[in-house]
Amino acid sequence: MGRMDDARQAVTRLRSRAIAADIDIEVDAIQAAIDLDNSNAAQTGWGQLFRGSDLRRTLIVVGVMSIAQANGELDL
């Protein structure tokens, strides 16, 4: 959420014996992971399940689950 100072304080509390450079590296790695996740989320969505080869996979899974439920083999 852009609160880097709070993040550094939290990591410092968690890693009490770490040096400042290690803390900065860890906070930067966390921020990089968040940025990557946000960019992936912007490119994907529920619509992806119904396009191309993913449509085929979705239909197979729905079919198998429906058959299992109809046979009484699946307890949801």
PDB file of N, CA and C in Angstrom:
ATOM      1  N   MET A   1       0.818  -1.189   0.000  1.00  0.00           N
ATOM      2  CA  MET A   1       0.000   0.000   0.000  1.00  0.00           C
ATOM      3  C   MET A   1       0.864   1.255   0.000  1.00  0.00           C
ATOM      4  N   GLY A   2       2.140   1.083  -0.296  1.00  0.00           N
ATOM      5  CA  GLY A   2       3.014   2.237  -0.383  1.00  0.00           C
ATOM      6  C   GLY A   2       3.604   2.682   0.943  1.00  0.00           C
ATOM      7  N   ARG A   3       3.404   1.930   1.993  1.00  0.00           N
ATOM      8  CA  ARG A   3       3.926   2.311   3.309  1.00  0.00           C
ATOM      9  C   ARG A   3       5.242   1.577   3.563  1.00  0.00           C
ATOM     10  N   MET A   4       6.268   2.021   2.879  1.00  0.00           N
ATOM     11  CA  MET A   4       7.561   1.343   2.946  1.00  0.00           C
ATOM     12  C   MET A   4       8.202   1.455   4.327  1.00  0.00           C
ATOM     13  N   ASP A   5       8.020   2.581   4.996  1.00  0.00           N
ATOM     14  CA  ASP A   5       8.607   2.737   6.333  1.00  0.00           C
ATOM     15  C   ASP A   5       7.984   1.745   7.308  1.00  0.00           C
ATOM     16  N   ASP A   6       6.672   1.570   7.224  1.00  0.00           N
ATOM     17  CA  ASP A   6       6.000   0.592   8.085  1.00  0.00           C
ATOM     18  C   ASP A   6       6.466  -0.822   7.757  1.00  0.00           C
ATOM     19  N   ALA A   7       6.683  -1.093   6.483  1.00  0.00           N
ATOM     20  CA  ALA A   7       7.161  -2.417   6.075  1.00  0.00           C
ATOM     21  C   ALA A   7       8.556  -2.674   6.634  1.00  0.00           C
ATOM     22  N   ARG A   8       9.419  -1.684   6.565  1.00  0.00           N
ATOM     23  CA  ARG A   8      10.774  -1.843   7.116  1.00  0.00           C
ATOM     24  C   ARG A   8      10.727  -2.077   8.624  1.00  0.00           C
ATOM     25  N   GLN A   9       9.842  -1.365   9.314  1.00  0.00           N
ATOM     26  CA  GLN A   9       9.715  -1.562  10.761  1.00  0.00           C
ATOM     27  C   GLN A   9       9.220  -2.970  11.082  1.00  0.00           C
ATOM     28  N   ALA A  10       8.269  -3.453  10.307  1.00  0.00           N
ATOM     29  CA  ALA A  10       7.731  -4.791  10.541  1.00  0.00           C
ATOM     30  C   ALA A  10       8.797  -5.856  10.304  1.00  0.00           C
ATOM     31  N   VAL A  11       9.542  -5.721   9.213  1.00  0.00           N
ATOM     32  CA  VAL A  11      10.598  -6.692   8.925  1.00  0.00           C
ATOM     33  C   VAL A  11      11.694  -6.603   9.983  1.00  0.00           C
ATOM     34  N   THR A  12      11.988  -5.411  10.460  1.00  0.00           N
ATOM     35  CA  THR A  12      12.995  -5.243  11.510  1.00  0.00           C
ATOM     36  C   THR A  12      12.555  -5.968  12.785  1.00  0.00           C
ATOM     37  N   ARG A  13      11.270  -5.870  13.124  1.00  0.00           N
ATOM     38  CA  ARG A  13      10.768  -6.573  14.306  1.00  0.00           C
ATOM     39  C   ARG A  13      10.836  -8.086  14.115  1.00  0.00           C
ATOM     40  N   LEU A  14      10.560  -8.555  12.890  1.00  0.00           N
ATOM     41  CA  LEU A  14      10.586  -9.991  12.631  1.00  0.00           C
ATOM     42  C   LEU A  14      12.010 -10.543  12.588  1.00  0.00           C
ATOM     43  N   ARG A  15      12.913  -9.770  12.059  1.00  0.00           N
ATOM     44  CA  ARG A  15      14.314 -10.189  11.914  1.00  0.00           C
ATOM     45  C   ARG A  15      15.167  -9.335  12.840  1.00  0.00           C
ATOM     46  N   SER A  16      15.091  -9.572  14.102  1.00  0.00           N
ATOM     47  CA  SER A  16      15.717  -8.698  15.095  1.00  0.00           C
ATOM     48  C   SER A  16      17.236  -8.643  14.973  1.00  0.00           C
ATOM     49  N   ARG A  17      17.865  -9.687  14.462  1.00  0.00           N
ATOM     50  CA  ARG A  17      19.327  -9.705  14.383  1.00  0.00           C
ATOM     51  C   ARG A  17      19.861  -9.389  12.987  1.00  0.00           C
ATOM     52  N   ALA A  18      19.001  -9.015  12.076  1.00  0.00           N
ATOM     53  CA  ALA A  18      19.418  -8.729  10.702  1.00  0.00           C
ATOM     54  C   ALA A  18      20.019  -7.332  10.608  1.00  0.00           C
ATOM     55  N   ILE A  19      20.926  -7.169   9.666  1.00  0.00           N
ATOM     56  CA  ILE A  19      21.504  -5.846   9.443  1.00  0.00           C
ATOM     57  C   ILE A  19      20.603  -5.057   8.490  1.00  0.00           C
ATOM     58  N   ALA A  20      20.796  -3.766   8.469  1.00  0.00           N
ATOM     59  CA  ALA A  20      19.913  -2.873   7.704  1.00  0.00           C
ATOM     60  C   ALA A  20      19.897  -3.225   6.213  1.00  0.00           C
ATOM     61  N   ALA A  21      21.029  -3.616   5.661  1.00  0.00           N
ATOM     62  CA  ALA A  21      21.090  -3.948   4.229  1.00  0.00           C
ATOM     63  C   ALA A  21      20.227  -5.168   3.920  1.00  0.00           C
ATOM     64  N   ASP A  22      20.254  -6.167   4.807  1.00  0.00           N
ATOM     65  CA  ASP A  22      19.433  -7.355   4.602  1.00  0.00           C
ATOM     66  C   ASP A  22      17.950  -7.022   4.689  1.00  0.00           C
ATOM     67  N   ILE A  23      17.612  -6.133   5.589  1.00  0.00           N
ATOM     68  CA  ILE A  23      16.214  -5.719   5.737  1.00  0.00           C
ATOM     69  C   ILE A  23      15.750  -4.998   4.482  1.00  0.00           C
ATOM     70  N   ASP A  24      16.595  -4.106   3.963  1.00  0.00           N
ATOM     71  CA  ASP A  24      16.243  -3.388   2.732  1.00  0.00           C
ATOM     72  C   ASP A  24      16.075  -4.344   1.558  1.00  0.00           C
ATOM     73  N   ILE A  25      16.944  -5.347   1.468  1.00  0.00           N
ATOM     74  CA  ILE A  25      16.850  -6.337   0.393  1.00  0.00           C
ATOM     75  C   ILE A  25      15.538  -7.109   0.507  1.00  0.00           C
ATOM     76  N   GLU A  26      15.169  -7.500   1.735  1.00  0.00           N
ATOM     77  CA  GLU A  26      13.935  -8.261   1.921  1.00  0.00           C
ATOM     78  C   GLU A  26      12.699  -7.421   1.605  1.00  0.00           C
ATOM     79  N   VAL A  27      12.691  -6.161   2.030  1.00  0.00           N
ATOM     80  CA  VAL A  27      11.558  -5.281   1.740  1.00  0.00           C
ATOM     81  C   VAL A  27      11.454  -5.042   0.237  1.00  0.00           C
ATOM     82  N   ASP A  28      12.585  -4.858  -0.432  1.00  0.00           N
ATOM     83  CA  ASP A  28      12.574  -4.679  -1.884  1.00  0.00           C
ATOM     84  C   ASP A  28      12.066  -5.934  -2.599  1.00  0.00           C
ATOM     85  N   ALA A  29      12.440  -7.112  -2.096  1.00  0.00           N
ATOM     86  CA  ALA A  29      11.966  -8.363  -2.692  1.00  0.00           C
ATOM     87  C   ALA A  29      10.460  -8.510  -2.510  1.00  0.00           C
ATOM     88  N   ILE A  30       9.961  -8.135  -1.349  1.00  0.00           N
ATOM     89  CA  ILE A  30       8.520  -8.189  -1.105  1.00  0.00           C
ATOM     90  C   ILE A  30       7.796  -7.237  -2.049  1.00  0.00           C
ATOM     91  N   GLN A  31       8.328  -6.027  -2.217  1.00  0.00           N
ATOM     92  CA  GLN A  31       7.701  -5.049  -3.108  1.00  0.00           C
ATOM     93  C   GLN A  31       7.728  -5.528  -4.554  1.00  0.00           C
ATOM     94  N   ALA A  32       8.827  -6.168  -4.969  1.00  0.00           N
ATOM     95  CA  ALA A  32       8.913  -6.700  -6.328  1.00  0.00           C
ATOM     96  C   ALA A  32       7.877  -7.803  -6.542  1.00  0.00           C
ATOM     97  N   ALA A  33       7.671  -8.654  -5.539  1.00  0.00           N
ATOM     98  CA  ALA A  33       6.673  -9.712  -5.644  1.00  0.00           C
ATOM     99  C   ALA A  33       5.265  -9.120  -5.729  1.00  0.00           C
ATOM    100  N   ILE A  34       5.005  -8.083  -4.973  1.00  0.00           N
ATOM    101  CA  ILE A  34       3.695  -7.420  -5.021  1.00  0.00           C
ATOM    102  C   ILE A  34       3.474  -6.795  -6.391  1.00  0.00           C
ATOM    103  N   ASP A  35       4.495  -6.125  -6.932  1.00  0.00           N
ATOM    104  CA  ASP A  35       4.378  -5.513  -8.256  1.00  0.00           C
ATOM    105  C   ASP A  35       4.120  -6.561  -9.335  1.00  0.00           C
ATOM    106  N   LEU A  36       4.821  -7.685  -9.257  1.00  0.00           N
ATOM    107  CA  LEU A  36       4.633  -8.767 -10.224  1.00  0.00           C
ATOM    108  C   LEU A  36       3.218  -9.331 -10.123  1.00  0.00           C
ATOM    109  N   ASP A  37       2.737  -9.528  -8.910  1.00  0.00           N
ATOM    110  CA  ASP A  37       1.391 -10.044  -8.713  1.00  0.00           C
ATOM    111  C   ASP A  37       0.349  -9.084  -9.257  1.00  0.00           C
ATOM    112  N   ASN A  38       0.544  -7.802  -9.036  1.00  0.00           N
ATOM    113  CA  ASN A  38      -0.395  -6.802  -9.549  1.00  0.00           C
ATOM    114  C   ASN A  38      -0.402  -6.764 -11.069  1.00  0.00           C
ATOM    115  N   SER A  39       0.764  -6.892 -11.697  1.00  0.00           N
ATOM    116  CA  SER A  39       0.808  -6.881 -13.158  1.00  0.00           C
ATOM    117  C   SER A  39       0.172  -8.140 -13.740  1.00  0.00           C
ATOM    118  N   ASN A  40       0.344  -9.280 -13.065  1.00  0.00           N
ATOM    119  CA  ASN A  40      -0.303 -10.514 -13.516  1.00  0.00           C
ATOM    120  C   ASN A  40      -1.810 -10.434 -13.349  1.00  0.00           C
ATOM    121  N   ALA A  41      -2.257  -9.829 -12.266  1.00  0.00           N
ATOM    122  CA  ALA A  41      -3.698  -9.716 -12.014  1.00  0.00           C
ATOM    123  C   ALA A  41      -4.364  -8.826 -13.061  1.00  0.00           C
ATOM    124  N   ALA A  42      -3.647  -7.836 -13.540  1.00  0.00           N
ATOM    125  CA  ALA A  42      -4.221  -6.941 -14.549  1.00  0.00           C
ATOM    126  C   ALA A  42      -4.369  -7.642 -15.900  1.00  0.00           C
ATOM    127  N   GLN A  43      -3.554  -8.659 -16.154  1.00  0.00           N
ATOM    128  CA  GLN A  43      -3.571  -9.352 -17.437  1.00  0.00           C
ATOM    129  C   GLN A  43      -4.497 -10.563 -17.454  1.00  0.00           C
ATOM    130  N   THR A  44      -4.921 -11.026 -16.295  1.00  0.00           N
ATOM    131  CA  THR A  44      -5.732 -12.237 -16.231  1.00  0.00           C
ATOM    132  C   THR A  44      -7.051 -11.948 -15.532  1.00  0.00           C
ATOM    133  N   GLY A  45      -7.951 -12.885 -15.653  1.00  0.00           N
ATOM    134  CA  GLY A  45      -9.243 -12.757 -15.002  1.00  0.00           C
ATOM    135  C   GLY A  45     -10.068 -14.005 -15.239  1.00  0.00           C
ATOM    136  N   TRP A  46     -11.306 -13.957 -14.789  1.00  0.00           N
ATOM    137  CA  TRP A  46     -12.189 -15.100 -14.952  1.00  0.00           C
ATOM    138  C   TRP A  46     -12.440 -15.411 -16.425  1.00  0.00           C
ATOM    139  N   GLY A  47     -12.387 -14.423 -17.269  1.00  0.00           N
ATOM    140  CA  GLY A  47     -12.610 -14.647 -18.691  1.00  0.00           C
ATOM    141  C   GLY A  47     -11.591 -15.575 -19.322  1.00  0.00           C
ATOM    142  N   GLN A  48     -10.407 -15.662 -18.735  1.00  0.00           N
ATOM    143  CA  GLN A  48      -9.357 -16.536 -19.249  1.00  0.00           C
ATOM    144  C   GLN A  48      -9.789 -18.005 -19.215  1.00  0.00           C
ATOM    145  N   LEU A  49     -10.676 -18.366 -18.299  1.00  0.00           N
ATOM    146  CA  LEU A  49     -11.117 -19.758 -18.195  1.00  0.00           C
ATOM    147  C   LEU A  49     -11.912 -20.209 -19.406  1.00  0.00           C
ATOM    148  N   PHE A  50     -12.427 -19.258 -20.161  1.00  0.00           N
ATOM    149  CA  PHE A  50     -13.331 -19.588 -21.256  1.00  0.00           C
ATOM    150  C   PHE A  50     -12.767 -19.214 -22.618  1.00  0.00           C
ATOM    151  N   ARG A  51     -11.447 -19.169 -22.730  1.00  0.00           N
ATOM    152  CA  ARG A  51     -10.782 -18.838 -23.997  1.00  0.00           C
ATOM    153  C   ARG A  51      -9.759 -19.907 -24.354  1.00  0.00           C
ATOM    154  N   GLY A  52      -9.692 -20.228 -25.621  1.00  0.00           N
ATOM    155  CA  GLY A  52      -8.655 -21.106 -26.151  1.00  0.00           C
ATOM    156  C   GLY A  52      -8.598 -22.466 -25.482  1.00  0.00           C
ATOM    157  N   SER A  53      -7.374 -22.909 -25.194  1.00  0.00           N
ATOM    158  CA  SER A  53      -7.192 -24.233 -24.592  1.00  0.00           C
ATOM    159  C   SER A  53      -7.710 -24.273 -23.158  1.00  0.00           C
ATOM    160  N   ASP A  54      -7.810 -23.122 -22.511  1.00  0.00           N
ATOM    161  CA  ASP A  54      -8.341 -23.103 -21.154  1.00  0.00           C
ATOM    162  C   ASP A  54      -9.829 -23.438 -21.135  1.00  0.00           C
ATOM    163  N   LEU A  55     -10.548 -23.113 -22.208  1.00  0.00           N
ATOM    164  CA  LEU A  55     -11.960 -23.487 -22.312  1.00  0.00           C
ATOM    165  C   LEU A  55     -12.084 -25.002 -22.297  1.00  0.00           C
ATOM    166  N   ARG A  56     -11.236 -25.667 -23.044  1.00  0.00           N
ATOM    167  CA  ARG A  56     -11.255 -27.139 -23.087  1.00  0.00           C
ATOM    168  C   ARG A  56     -11.002 -27.710 -21.701  1.00  0.00           C
ATOM    169  N   ARG A  57     -10.003 -27.202 -21.008  1.00  0.00           N
ATOM    170  CA  ARG A  57      -9.687 -27.677 -19.659  1.00  0.00           C
ATOM    171  C   ARG A  57     -10.849 -27.430 -18.701  1.00  0.00           C
ATOM    172  N   THR A  58     -11.462 -26.263 -18.807  1.00  0.00           N
ATOM    173  CA  THR A  58     -12.584 -25.922 -17.938  1.00  0.00           C
ATOM    174  C   THR A  58     -13.740 -26.881 -18.167  1.00  0.00           C
ATOM    175  N   LEU A  59     -14.052 -27.155 -19.418  1.00  0.00           N
ATOM    176  CA  LEU A  59     -15.154 -28.062 -19.732  1.00  0.00           C
ATOM    177  C   LEU A  59     -14.872 -29.484 -19.246  1.00  0.00           C
ATOM    178  N   ILE A  60     -13.631 -29.932 -19.367  1.00  0.00           N
ATOM    179  CA  ILE A  60     -13.270 -31.269 -18.888  1.00  0.00           C
ATOM    180  C   ILE A  60     -13.463 -31.359 -17.376  1.00  0.00           C
ATOM    181  N   VAL A  61     -12.987 -30.371 -16.654  1.00  0.00           N
ATOM    182  CA  VAL A  61     -13.103 -30.389 -15.195  1.00  0.00           C
ATOM    183  C   VAL A  61     -14.558 -30.326 -14.759  1.00  0.00           C
ATOM    184  N   VAL A  62     -15.334 -29.465 -15.392  1.00  0.00           N
ATOM    185  CA  VAL A  62     -16.756 -29.358 -15.046  1.00  0.00           C
ATOM    186  C   VAL A  62     -17.470 -30.665 -15.356  1.00  0.00           C
ATOM    187  N   GLY A  63     -17.128 -31.283 -16.467  1.00  0.00           N
ATOM    188  CA  GLY A  63     -17.745 -32.557 -16.829  1.00  0.00           C
ATOM    189  C   GLY A  63     -17.408 -33.663 -15.845  1.00  0.00           C
ATOM    190  N   VAL A  64     -16.155 -33.768 -15.484  1.00  0.00           N
ATOM    191  CA  VAL A  64     -15.728 -34.810 -14.533  1.00  0.00           C
ATOM    192  C   VAL A  64     -16.387 -34.596 -13.177  1.00  0.00           C
ATOM    193  N   MET A  65     -16.430 -33.362 -12.712  1.00  0.00           N
ATOM    194  CA  MET A  65     -17.057 -33.068 -11.418  1.00  0.00           C
ATOM    195  C   MET A  65     -18.552 -33.359 -11.468  1.00  0.00           C
ATOM    196  N   SER A  66     -19.204 -33.062 -12.581  1.00  0.00           N
ATOM    197  CA  SER A  66     -20.637 -33.325 -12.713  1.00  0.00           C
ATOM    198  C   SER A  66     -20.924 -34.821 -12.698  1.00  0.00           C
ATOM    199  N   ILE A  67     -20.116 -35.582 -13.404  1.00  0.00           N
ATOM    200  CA  ILE A  67     -20.290 -37.033 -13.430  1.00  0.00           C
ATOM    201  C   ILE A  67     -20.037 -37.626 -12.050  1.00  0.00           C
ATOM    202  N   ALA A  68     -19.007 -37.178 -11.371  1.00  0.00           N
ATOM    203  CA  ALA A  68     -18.719 -37.674 -10.029  1.00  0.00           C
ATOM    204  C   ALA A  68     -19.858 -37.343  -9.070  1.00  0.00           C
ATOM    205  N   GLN A  69     -20.404 -36.154  -9.167  1.00  0.00           N
ATOM    206  CA  GLN A  69     -21.524 -35.756  -8.313  1.00  0.00           C
ATOM    207  C   GLN A  69     -22.767 -36.589  -8.634  1.00  0.00           C
ATOM    208  N   ALA A  70     -23.013 -36.847  -9.914  1.00  0.00           N
ATOM    209  CA  ALA A  70     -24.181 -37.641 -10.320  1.00  0.00           C
ATOM    210  C   ALA A  70     -24.071 -39.076  -9.840  1.00  0.00           C
ATOM    211  N   ASN A  71     -22.844 -39.598  -9.773  1.00  0.00           N
ATOM    212  CA  ASN A  71     -22.623 -40.978  -9.306  1.00  0.00           C
ATOM    213  C   ASN A  71     -22.623 -41.074  -7.793  1.00  0.00           C
ATOM    214  N   GLY A  72     -22.614 -39.951  -7.109  1.00  0.00           N
ATOM    215  CA  GLY A  72     -22.590 -39.964  -5.659  1.00  0.00           C
ATOM    216  C   GLY A  72     -21.207 -40.188  -5.077  1.00  0.00           C
ATOM    217  N   GLU A  73     -20.174 -40.038  -5.894  1.00  0.00           N
ATOM    218  CA  GLU A  73     -18.816 -40.255  -5.433  1.00  0.00           C
ATOM    219  C   GLU A  73     -18.181 -39.023  -4.820  1.00  0.00           C
ATOM    220  N   LEU A  74     -18.832 -37.911  -4.974  1.00  0.00           N
ATOM    221  CA  LEU A  74     -18.259 -36.668  -4.491  1.00  0.00           C
ATOM    222  C   LEU A  74     -19.198 -36.062  -3.468  1.00  0.00           C
ATOM    223  N   ASP A  75     -18.688 -35.850  -2.287  1.00  0.00           N
ATOM    224  CA  ASP A  75     -19.485 -35.230  -1.222  1.00  0.00           C
ATOM    225  C   ASP A  75     -19.047 -33.798  -1.051  1.00  0.00           C
ATOM    226  N   LEU A  76     -19.878 -32.885  -1.472  1.00  0.00           N
ATOM    227  CA  LEU A  76     -19.537 -31.468  -1.297  1.00  0.00           C
ATOM    228  C   LEU A  76     -20.244 -30.882  -0.150  1.00  0.00           C
TER     229      LEU A  76
END
